[in-house]
Amino acid sequence: MPKMKSVKGAVKRFKVKKNGSVKRGTAFRSHILTKQDAATRRTQNQPKVVAKVDEQNIKAMIN
């Protein structure tokens, strides 16, 4: 059997942490941040983790 190719879009968006959970980015962070209040911008800077339900699928995409 040939090796499975990884999904390059997923590789660029997700990273697997040492404990096995998957790190992800946050939506609405690219531009026009002046409309958002400071609390929203602060919470979007915090690291986010993918839900347990989706972890297995994303790890399969990343390989």
PDB file of N, CA and C in Angstrom:
ATOM      1  N   MET A   1       0.846  -1.185   0.000  1.00  0.00           N
ATOM      2  CA  MET A   1       0.000   0.000   0.000  1.00  0.00           C
ATOM      3  C   MET A   1       0.890   1.248   0.000  1.00  0.00           C
ATOM      4  N   PRO A   2       0.553   2.245  -0.795  1.00  0.00           N
ATOM      5  CA  PRO A   2       1.310   3.507  -0.725  1.00  0.00           C
ATOM      6  C   PRO A   2       0.946   4.283   0.539  1.00  0.00           C
ATOM      7  N   LYS A   3       1.838   5.164   0.917  1.00  0.00           N
ATOM      8  CA  LYS A   3       1.588   5.995   2.097  1.00  0.00           C
ATOM      9  C   LYS A   3       0.452   6.979   1.804  1.00  0.00           C
ATOM     10  N   MET A   4      -0.282   7.345   2.861  1.00  0.00           N
ATOM     11  CA  MET A   4      -1.335   8.343   2.721  1.00  0.00           C
ATOM     12  C   MET A   4      -0.702   9.732   2.670  1.00  0.00           C
ATOM     13  N   LYS A   5      -1.193  10.584   1.802  1.00  0.00           N
ATOM     14  CA  LYS A   5      -0.704  11.956   1.751  1.00  0.00           C
ATOM     15  C   LYS A   5      -1.410  12.778   2.824  1.00  0.00           C
ATOM     16  N   SER A   6      -0.681  13.706   3.408  1.00  0.00           N
ATOM     17  CA  SER A   6      -1.313  14.584   4.380  1.00  0.00           C
ATOM     18  C   SER A   6      -2.032  15.722   3.648  1.00  0.00           C
ATOM     19  N   VAL A   7      -3.075  16.241   4.266  1.00  0.00           N
ATOM     20  CA  VAL A   7      -3.835  17.358   3.700  1.00  0.00           C
ATOM     21  C   VAL A   7      -3.069  18.628   4.041  1.00  0.00           C
ATOM     22  N   LYS A   8      -2.509  19.298   3.040  1.00  0.00           N
ATOM     23  CA  LYS A   8      -1.606  20.423   3.274  1.00  0.00           C
ATOM     24  C   LYS A   8      -2.303  21.592   3.953  1.00  0.00           C
ATOM     25  N   GLY A   9      -3.587  21.810   3.664  1.00  0.00           N
ATOM     26  CA  GLY A   9      -4.326  22.876   4.327  1.00  0.00           C
ATOM     27  C   GLY A   9      -4.436  22.624   5.821  1.00  0.00           C
ATOM     28  N   ALA A  10      -4.605  21.355   6.212  1.00  0.00           N
ATOM     29  CA  ALA A  10      -4.695  21.002   7.626  1.00  0.00           C
ATOM     30  C   ALA A  10      -3.336  21.124   8.299  1.00  0.00           C
ATOM     31  N   VAL A  11      -2.281  20.763   7.596  1.00  0.00           N
ATOM     32  CA  VAL A  11      -0.933  20.846   8.159  1.00  0.00           C
ATOM     33  C   VAL A  11      -0.586  22.289   8.503  1.00  0.00           C
ATOM     34  N   LYS A  12      -1.029  23.223   7.649  1.00  0.00           N
ATOM     35  CA  LYS A  12      -0.733  24.635   7.879  1.00  0.00           C
ATOM     36  C   LYS A  12      -1.563  25.217   9.022  1.00  0.00           C
ATOM     37  N   ARG A  13      -2.716  24.615   9.329  1.00  0.00           N
ATOM     38  CA  ARG A  13      -3.640  25.212  10.295  1.00  0.00           C
ATOM     39  C   ARG A  13      -3.563  24.616  11.691  1.00  0.00           C
ATOM     40  N   PHE A  14      -3.092  23.378  11.818  1.00  0.00           N
ATOM     41  CA  PHE A  14      -3.124  22.685  13.110  1.00  0.00           C
ATOM     42  C   PHE A  14      -1.735  22.209  13.509  1.00  0.00           C
ATOM     43  N   LYS A  15      -1.513  22.169  14.851  1.00  0.00           N
ATOM     44  CA  LYS A  15      -0.282  21.600  15.390  1.00  0.00           C
ATOM     45  C   LYS A  15      -0.666  20.680  16.546  1.00  0.00           C
ATOM     46  N   VAL A  16       0.018  19.538  16.658  1.00  0.00           N
ATOM     47  CA  VAL A  16      -0.246  18.613  17.753  1.00  0.00           C
ATOM     48  C   VAL A  16       0.679  18.963  18.911  1.00  0.00           C
ATOM     49  N   LYS A  17       0.104  19.150  20.096  1.00  0.00           N
ATOM     50  CA  LYS A  17       0.881  19.491  21.279  1.00  0.00           C
ATOM     51  C   LYS A  17       1.493  18.228  21.877  1.00  0.00           C
ATOM     52  N   LYS A  18       2.384  18.397  22.862  1.00  0.00           N
ATOM     53  CA  LYS A  18       3.058  17.253  23.476  1.00  0.00           C
ATOM     54  C   LYS A  18       2.086  16.316  24.168  1.00  0.00           C
ATOM     55  N   ASN A  19       1.021  16.852  24.736  1.00  0.00           N
ATOM     56  CA  ASN A  19       0.060  16.005  25.436  1.00  0.00           C
ATOM     57  C   ASN A  19      -0.925  15.334  24.487  1.00  0.00           C
ATOM     58  N   GLY A  20      -0.807  15.587  23.161  1.00  0.00           N
ATOM     59  CA  GLY A  20      -1.654  14.922  22.182  1.00  0.00           C
ATOM     60  C   GLY A  20      -2.851  15.731  21.721  1.00  0.00           C
ATOM     61  N   SER A  21      -3.146  16.830  22.398  1.00  0.00           N
ATOM     62  CA  SER A  21      -4.262  17.661  21.946  1.00  0.00           C
ATOM     63  C   SER A  21      -3.822  18.479  20.732  1.00  0.00           C
ATOM     64  N   VAL A  22      -4.783  18.978  19.977  1.00  0.00           N
ATOM     65  CA  VAL A  22      -4.492  19.672  18.722  1.00  0.00           C
ATOM     66  C   VAL A  22      -4.779  21.159  18.893  1.00  0.00           C
ATOM     67  N   LYS A  23      -3.775  21.982  18.588  1.00  0.00           N
ATOM     68  CA  LYS A  23      -3.895  23.431  18.683  1.00  0.00           C
ATOM     69  C   LYS A  23      -4.491  23.961  17.391  1.00  0.00           C
ATOM     70  N   ARG A  24      -5.281  25.043  17.490  1.00  0.00           N
ATOM     71  CA  ARG A  24      -5.902  25.637  16.312  1.00  0.00           C
ATOM     72  C   ARG A  24      -5.868  27.151  16.419  1.00  0.00           C
ATOM     73  N   GLY A  25      -6.166  27.815  15.320  1.00  0.00           N
ATOM     74  CA  GLY A  25      -6.240  29.265  15.308  1.00  0.00           C
ATOM     75  C   GLY A  25      -7.627  29.750  15.671  1.00  0.00           C
ATOM     76  N   THR A  26      -7.806  31.061  15.653  1.00  0.00           N
ATOM     77  CA  THR A  26      -9.091  31.669  15.984  1.00  0.00           C
ATOM     78  C   THR A  26      -9.635  32.408  14.771  1.00  0.00           C
ATOM     79  N   ALA A  27     -10.941  32.382  14.599  1.00  0.00           N
ATOM     80  CA  ALA A  27     -11.577  33.115  13.503  1.00  0.00           C
ATOM     81  C   ALA A  27     -11.667  34.600  13.841  1.00  0.00           C
ATOM     82  N   PHE A  28     -11.880  35.409  12.826  1.00  0.00           N
ATOM     83  CA  PHE A  28     -12.099  36.857  12.960  1.00  0.00           C
ATOM     84  C   PHE A  28     -10.891  37.582  13.539  1.00  0.00           C
ATOM     85  N   ARG A  29      -9.671  37.200  13.120  1.00  0.00           N
ATOM     86  CA  ARG A  29      -8.467  37.827  13.646  1.00  0.00           C
ATOM     87  C   ARG A  29      -7.655  38.539  12.575  1.00  0.00           C
ATOM     88  N   SER A  30      -8.143  38.595  11.341  1.00  0.00           N
ATOM     89  CA  SER A  30      -7.282  39.066  10.260  1.00  0.00           C
ATOM     90  C   SER A  30      -7.264  40.580  10.095  1.00  0.00           C
ATOM     91  N   HIS A  31      -8.407  41.231  10.096  1.00  0.00           N
ATOM     92  CA  HIS A  31      -8.441  42.678   9.861  1.00  0.00           C
ATOM     93  C   HIS A  31      -9.726  43.267  10.417  1.00  0.00           C
ATOM     94  N   ILE A  32      -9.814  44.593  10.409  1.00  0.00           N
ATOM     95  CA  ILE A  32     -10.945  45.365  10.957  1.00  0.00           C
ATOM     96  C   ILE A  32     -11.215  44.946  12.403  1.00  0.00           C
ATOM     97  N   LEU A  33     -10.161  44.980  13.214  1.00  0.00           N
ATOM     98  CA  LEU A  33     -10.303  44.611  14.618  1.00  0.00           C
ATOM     99  C   LEU A  33     -10.802  45.775  15.467  1.00  0.00           C
ATOM    100  N   THR A  34     -10.904  46.956  14.873  1.00  0.00           N
ATOM    101  CA  THR A  34     -11.343  48.117  15.641  1.00  0.00           C
ATOM    102  C   THR A  34     -12.815  48.000  16.039  1.00  0.00           C
ATOM    103  N   LYS A  35     -13.588  47.224  15.307  1.00  0.00           N
ATOM    104  CA  LYS A  35     -15.003  47.048  15.637  1.00  0.00           C
ATOM    105  C   LYS A  35     -15.198  46.120  16.830  1.00  0.00           C
ATOM    106  N   GLN A  36     -14.216  45.315  17.136  1.00  0.00           N
ATOM    107  CA  GLN A  36     -14.333  44.390  18.258  1.00  0.00           C
ATOM    108  C   GLN A  36     -13.908  45.089  19.542  1.00  0.00           C
ATOM    109  N   ASP A  37     -14.568  44.720  20.652  1.00  0.00           N
ATOM    110  CA  ASP A  37     -14.155  45.304  21.917  1.00  0.00           C
ATOM    111  C   ASP A  37     -12.874  44.618  22.408  1.00  0.00           C
ATOM    112  N   ALA A  38     -12.228  45.239  23.364  1.00  0.00           N
ATOM    113  CA  ALA A  38     -10.915  44.782  23.819  1.00  0.00           C
ATOM    114  C   ALA A  38     -10.970  43.389  24.423  1.00  0.00           C
ATOM    115  N   ALA A  39     -12.056  43.065  25.113  1.00  0.00           N
ATOM    116  CA  ALA A  39     -12.175  41.751  25.744  1.00  0.00           C
ATOM    117  C   ALA A  39     -12.208  40.643  24.694  1.00  0.00           C
ATOM    118  N   THR A  40     -12.907  40.880  23.596  1.00  0.00           N
ATOM    119  CA  THR A  40     -12.971  39.889  22.518  1.00  0.00           C
ATOM    120  C   THR A  40     -11.596  39.679  21.902  1.00  0.00           C
ATOM    121  N   ARG A  41     -10.889  40.782  21.663  1.00  0.00           N
ATOM    122  CA  ARG A  41      -9.550  40.674  21.074  1.00  0.00           C
ATOM    123  C   ARG A  41      -8.592  39.952  22.013  1.00  0.00           C
ATOM    124  N   ARG A  42      -8.734  40.191  23.304  1.00  0.00           N
ATOM    125  CA  ARG A  42      -7.877  39.517  24.289  1.00  0.00           C
ATOM    126  C   ARG A  42      -8.122  38.018  24.305  1.00  0.00           C
ATOM    127  N   THR A  43      -9.403  37.617  24.285  1.00  0.00           N
ATOM    128  CA  THR A  43      -9.706  36.189  24.321  1.00  0.00           C
ATOM    129  C   THR A  43      -9.289  35.494  23.043  1.00  0.00           C
ATOM    130  N   GLN A  44      -9.273  36.217  21.932  1.00  0.00           N
ATOM    131  CA  GLN A  44      -8.840  35.610  20.675  1.00  0.00           C
ATOM    132  C   GLN A  44      -7.339  35.390  20.628  1.00  0.00           C
ATOM    133  N   ASN A  45      -6.577  36.071  21.489  1.00  0.00           N
ATOM    134  CA  ASN A  45      -5.134  35.854  21.546  1.00  0.00           C
ATOM    135  C   ASN A  45      -4.767  34.601  22.318  1.00  0.00           C
ATOM    136  N   GLN A  46      -5.682  34.088  23.128  1.00  0.00           N
ATOM    137  CA  GLN A  46      -5.400  32.903  23.934  1.00  0.00           C
ATOM    138  C   GLN A  46      -5.314  31.672  23.027  1.00  0.00           C
ATOM    139  N   PRO A  47      -4.464  30.684  23.395  1.00  0.00           N
ATOM    140  CA  PRO A  47      -4.381  29.463  22.589  1.00  0.00           C
ATOM    141  C   PRO A  47      -5.687  28.679  22.643  1.00  0.00           C
ATOM    142  N   LYS A  48      -6.074  28.130  21.513  1.00  0.00           N
ATOM    143  CA  LYS A  48      -7.316  27.364  21.424  1.00  0.00           C
ATOM    144  C   LYS A  48      -6.982  25.905  21.107  1.00  0.00           C
ATOM    145  N   VAL A  49      -7.858  25.003  21.545  1.00  0.00           N
ATOM    146  CA  VAL A  49      -7.668  23.573  21.334  1.00  0.00           C
ATOM    147  C   VAL A  49      -8.877  23.029  20.593  1.00  0.00           C
ATOM    148  N   VAL A  50      -8.636  22.100  19.686  1.00  0.00           N
ATOM    149  CA  VAL A  50      -9.709  21.469  18.917  1.00  0.00           C
ATOM    150  C   VAL A  50     -10.520  20.566  19.843  1.00  0.00           C
ATOM    151  N   ALA A  51     -11.810  20.444  19.595  1.00  0.00           N
ATOM    152  CA  ALA A  51     -12.677  19.587  20.397  1.00  0.00           C
ATOM    153  C   ALA A  51     -12.253  18.125  20.264  1.00  0.00           C
ATOM    154  N   LYS A  52     -12.483  17.355  21.332  1.00  0.00           N
ATOM    155  CA  LYS A  52     -12.096  15.933  21.360  1.00  0.00           C
ATOM    156  C   LYS A  52     -12.725  15.161  20.198  1.00  0.00           C
ATOM    157  N   VAL A  53     -13.941  15.547  19.816  1.00  0.00           N
ATOM    158  CA  VAL A  53     -14.663  14.837  18.758  1.00  0.00           C
ATOM    159  C   VAL A  53     -13.908  14.927  17.430  1.00  0.00           C
ATOM    160  N   ASP A  54     -13.273  16.075  17.167  1.00  0.00           N
ATOM    161  CA  ASP A  54     -12.615  16.293  15.883  1.00  0.00           C
ATOM    162  C   ASP A  54     -11.137  15.908  15.867  1.00  0.00           C
ATOM    163  N   GLU A  55     -10.553  15.645  17.047  1.00  0.00           N
ATOM    164  CA  GLU A  55      -9.115  15.377  17.122  1.00  0.00           C
ATOM    165  C   GLU A  55      -8.666  14.230  16.228  1.00  0.00           C
ATOM    166  N   GLN A  56      -9.387  13.123  16.258  1.00  0.00           N
ATOM    167  CA  GLN A  56      -8.980  11.938  15.510  1.00  0.00           C
ATOM    168  C   GLN A  56      -8.943  12.214  14.005  1.00  0.00           C
ATOM    169  N   ASN A  57      -9.945  12.930  13.496  1.00  0.00           N
ATOM    170  CA  ASN A  57      -9.991  13.245  12.065  1.00  0.00           C
ATOM    171  C   ASN A  57      -8.832  14.159  11.658  1.00  0.00           C
ATOM    172  N   ILE A  58      -8.542  15.148  12.487  1.00  0.00           N
ATOM    173  CA  ILE A  58      -7.477  16.094  12.154  1.00  0.00           C
ATOM    174  C   ILE A  58      -6.123  15.413  12.208  1.00  0.00           C
ATOM    175  N   LYS A  59      -5.913  14.551  13.195  1.00  0.00           N
ATOM    176  CA  LYS A  59      -4.637  13.829  13.271  1.00  0.00           C
ATOM    177  C   LYS A  59      -4.452  12.920  12.061  1.00  0.00           C
ATOM    178  N   ALA A  60      -5.535  12.353  11.546  1.00  0.00           N
ATOM    179  CA  ALA A  60      -5.451  11.529  10.351  1.00  0.00           C
ATOM    180  C   ALA A  60      -5.089  12.381   9.136  1.00  0.00           C
ATOM    181  N   MET A  61      -5.588  13.626   9.069  1.00  0.00           N
ATOM    182  CA  MET A  61      -5.259  14.517   7.969  1.00  0.00           C
ATOM    183  C   MET A  61      -3.810  14.973   8.018  1.00  0.00           C
ATOM    184  N   ILE A  62      -3.308  15.183   9.240  1.00  0.00           N
ATOM    185  CA  ILE A  62      -1.942  15.663   9.398  1.00  0.00           C
ATOM    186  C   ILE A  62      -0.935  14.535   9.193  1.00  0.00           C
ATOM    187  N   ASN A  63      -1.277  13.343   9.614  1.00  0.00           N
ATOM    188  CA  ASN A  63      -0.389  12.155   9.606  1.00  0.00           C
ATOM    189  C   ASN A  63       0.703  12.315  10.617  1.00  0.00           C
TER     190      ASN A  63
END
